C-alpha atoms as a PDB file:
ATOM      1  CA  PRO A   1      -0.058  -0.398  -0.467  1.00  0.00           C
ATOM      2  CA  ALA A   2       1.283   3.271  -0.903  1.00  0.00           C
ATOM      3  CA  SER A   3       1.950   6.256   1.849  1.00  0.00           C
ATOM      4  CA  ASP A   4       1.937   9.016  -0.623  1.00  0.00           C
ATOM      5  CA  PRO A   5      -0.427   9.950  -3.168  1.00  0.00           C
ATOM      6  CA  GLY A   6       2.250  10.269  -6.436  1.00  0.00           C
ATOM      7  CA  THR A   7       3.241   6.683  -5.717  1.00  0.00           C
ATOM      8  CA  ALA A   8      -0.442   5.493  -5.114  1.00  0.00           C
ATOM      9  CA  ALA A   9      -0.824   7.021  -8.738  1.00  0.00           C
ATOM     10  CA  VAL A  10       1.924   5.266 -10.312  1.00  0.00           C
ATOM     11  CA  THR A  11       1.258   1.921  -8.709  1.00  0.00           C
ATOM     12  CA  TYR A  12      -1.893   2.308 -10.108  1.00  0.00           C
ATOM     13  CA  LEU A  13      -1.208   3.182 -13.682  1.00  0.00           C
ATOM     14  CA  GLU A  14       1.536   0.435 -13.328  1.00  0.00           C
ATOM     15  CA  THR A  15      -1.409  -1.978 -12.332  1.00  0.00           C
ATOM     16  CA  LEU A  16      -3.763  -1.159 -15.225  1.00  0.00           C
ATOM     17  CA  ARG A  17      -0.619  -1.416 -17.911  1.00  0.00           C
ATOM     18  CA  ALA A  18       0.655  -4.801 -16.580  1.00  0.00           C
ATOM     19  CA  GLY A  19      -3.269  -5.929 -17.070  1.00  0.00           C
ATOM     20  CA  ASP A  20      -4.085  -6.704 -13.775  1.00  0.00           C
ATOM     21  CA  VAL A  21      -7.413  -4.819 -13.870  1.00  0.00           C
ATOM     22  CA  ASP A  22      -8.559  -6.793 -10.328  1.00  0.00           C
ATOM     23  CA  ALA A  23      -5.513  -5.860  -8.363  1.00  0.00           C
ATOM     24  CA  ALA A  24      -6.294  -1.964  -9.857  1.00  0.00           C
ATOM     25  CA  TRP A  25      -9.880  -1.400  -8.883  1.00  0.00           C
ATOM     26  CA  ALA A  26      -8.419  -2.531  -5.559  1.00  0.00           C
ATOM     27  CA  LEU A  27      -6.461   0.524  -5.367  1.00  0.00           C
ATOM     28  CA  THR A  28      -9.286   2.887  -5.866  1.00  0.00           C
ATOM     29  CA  SER A  29     -11.710   4.068  -3.159  1.00  0.00           C
ATOM     30  CA  PRO A  30     -15.545   3.205  -2.397  1.00  0.00           C
ATOM     31  CA  ALA A  31     -16.756   6.432  -3.594  1.00  0.00           C
ATOM     32  CA  PHE A  32     -14.978   5.806  -6.934  1.00  0.00           C
ATOM     33  CA  GLN A  33     -16.058   2.260  -7.377  1.00  0.00           C
ATOM     34  CA  ALA A  34     -19.702   2.984  -6.670  1.00  0.00           C
ATOM     35  CA  ALA A  35     -19.732   5.859  -9.198  1.00  0.00           C
ATOM     36  CA  GLN A  36     -18.078   3.374 -11.734  1.00  0.00           C
ATOM     37  CA  ASP A  37     -19.187   0.974 -14.219  1.00  0.00           C
ATOM     38  CA  ARG A  38     -16.916  -1.425 -13.890  1.00  0.00           C
ATOM     39  CA  ASP A  39     -17.430  -3.223 -17.112  1.00  0.00           C
ATOM     40  CA  SER A  40     -17.099   0.243 -18.565  1.00  0.00           C
ATOM     41  CA  TRP A  41     -13.799   1.471 -16.369  1.00  0.00           C
ATOM     42  CA  GLU A  42     -12.083  -2.416 -17.203  1.00  0.00           C
ATOM     43  CA  SER A  43     -12.977  -2.144 -21.089  1.00  0.00           C
ATOM     44  CA  PHE A  44     -11.531   1.518 -20.710  1.00  0.00           C
ATOM     45  CA  TRP A  45      -8.042   0.213 -19.613  1.00  0.00           C
ATOM     46  CA  THR A  46      -7.584  -2.646 -20.995  1.00  0.00           C
ATOM     47  CA  GLY A  47      -8.244  -1.431 -24.374  1.00  0.00           C
ATOM     48  CA  HIS A  48      -5.311   1.596 -24.362  1.00  0.00           C
ATOM     49  CA  ASP A  49      -1.715   1.559 -24.297  1.00  0.00           C
ATOM     50  CA  VAL A  50      -0.481   3.613 -21.204  1.00  0.00           C
ATOM     51  CA  GLU A  51       2.907   4.127 -20.534  1.00  0.00           C
ATOM     52  CA  ILE A  52       4.331   6.345 -17.942  1.00  0.00           C
ATOM     53  CA  VAL A  53       7.189   8.858 -19.015  1.00  0.00           C
ATOM     54  CA  GLY A  54       8.229  10.878 -16.575  1.00  0.00           C
ATOM     55  CA  ASP A  55       7.706  11.575 -12.500  1.00  0.00           C
ATOM     56  CA  PRO A  56       4.496  11.754 -11.196  1.00  0.00           C
ATOM     57  CA  ARG A  57       3.767  15.523  -9.487  1.00  0.00           C
ATOM     58  CA  VAL A  58       1.886  15.671  -6.420  1.00  0.00           C
ATOM     59  CA  ALA A  59      -0.257  19.568  -5.805  1.00  0.00           C
ATOM     60  CA  GLY A  60       0.878  19.550  -2.112  1.00  0.00           C
ATOM     61  CA  SER A  61      -1.568  17.823   0.504  1.00  0.00           C
ATOM     62  CA  SER A  62      -4.393  17.959  -2.059  1.00  0.00           C
ATOM     63  CA  GLY A  63      -4.106  14.734  -3.499  1.00  0.00           C
ATOM     64  CA  ARG A  64      -4.274  15.651  -6.989  1.00  0.00           C
ATOM     65  CA  VAL A  65      -1.224  14.122  -9.090  1.00  0.00           C
ATOM     66  CA  VAL A  66      -0.587  14.971 -12.611  1.00  0.00           C
ATOM     67  CA  VAL A  67       1.367  11.322 -13.945  1.00  0.00           C
ATOM     68  CA  PRO A  68       2.866  12.159 -17.395  1.00  0.00           C
ATOM     69  CA  VAL A  69       1.841   9.330 -19.899  1.00  0.00           C
ATOM     70  CA  THR A  70       2.032   8.281 -23.804  1.00  0.00           C
ATOM     71  CA  PHE A  71      -1.935   7.455 -23.951  1.00  0.00           C
ATOM     72  CA  ASP A  72      -1.407   5.188 -27.252  1.00  0.00           C
ATOM     73  CA  GLY A  73       1.574   6.847 -28.050  1.00  0.00           C
ATOM     74  CA  ALA A  74       0.570  10.407 -27.779  1.00  0.00           C
ATOM     75  CA  ARG A  75       1.973  11.944 -24.647  1.00  0.00           C
ATOM     76  CA  GLU A  76      -0.063  13.716 -22.507  1.00  0.00           C
ATOM     77  CA  ASP A  77      -0.348  14.606 -18.551  1.00  0.00           C
ATOM     78  CA  TYR A  78      -2.963  12.385 -16.564  1.00  0.00           C
ATOM     79  CA  ALA A  79      -4.337  14.123 -13.656  1.00  0.00           C
ATOM     80  CA  MET A  80      -6.274  12.173 -10.926  1.00  0.00           C
ATOM     81  CA  THR A  81      -7.358  12.852  -7.189  1.00  0.00           C
ATOM     82  CA  LEU A  82      -6.577  10.488  -4.517  1.00  0.00           C
ATOM     83  CA  VAL A  83      -8.068  10.439  -1.219  1.00  0.00           C
ATOM     84  CA  GLN A  84      -6.514   8.982   1.779  1.00  0.00           C
ATOM     85  CA  ALA A  85      -8.063   5.713   3.514  1.00  0.00           C
ATOM     86  CA  ASP A  86      -8.678   5.371   7.213  1.00  0.00           C
ATOM     87  CA  ASP A  87      -5.565   3.091   6.978  1.00  0.00           C
ATOM     88  CA  GLY A  88      -3.097   6.015   5.951  1.00  0.00           C
ATOM     89  CA  THR A  89      -3.016   4.232   2.517  1.00  0.00           C
ATOM     90  CA  TRP A  90      -3.898   6.637  -0.544  1.00  0.00           C
ATOM     91  CA  LEU A  91      -6.564   5.206  -3.144  1.00  0.00           C
ATOM     92  CA  VAL A  92      -7.472   6.663  -6.540  1.00  0.00           C
ATOM     93  CA  ASP A  93     -10.618   8.450  -6.105  1.00  0.00           C
ATOM     94  CA  GLY A  94     -10.965  10.191  -9.671  1.00  0.00           C
ATOM     95  CA  PRO A  95      -9.630  11.345 -13.230  1.00  0.00           C
ATOM     96  CA  VAL A  96      -8.983  15.013 -12.851  1.00  0.00           C
ATOM     97  CA  GLY A  97      -8.859  15.051 -16.909  1.00  0.00           C
ATOM     98  CA  GLY A  98      -7.230  13.914 -19.334  1.00  0.00           C
END
């Protein structure tokens, strides 16, 4: 479990890239899971090639993280929000954009 949002964001994206959607889903918050259609989320992530190409940038203690990625070969900054769980680990709470 990641103790900071930057590490948590990278772990989430690397887990998705490895194709382990069940493990990636487990890295998301209950609110995220309640708001998502699991099949659509899974189909989106398994349908694209995402590679991390730089270090995550964390916006203070806000839980907002931007990770430089290539998305099907096109470079973009993938922004997401993370929330801290009761046990102190950080969970993906949703994409901010990208």
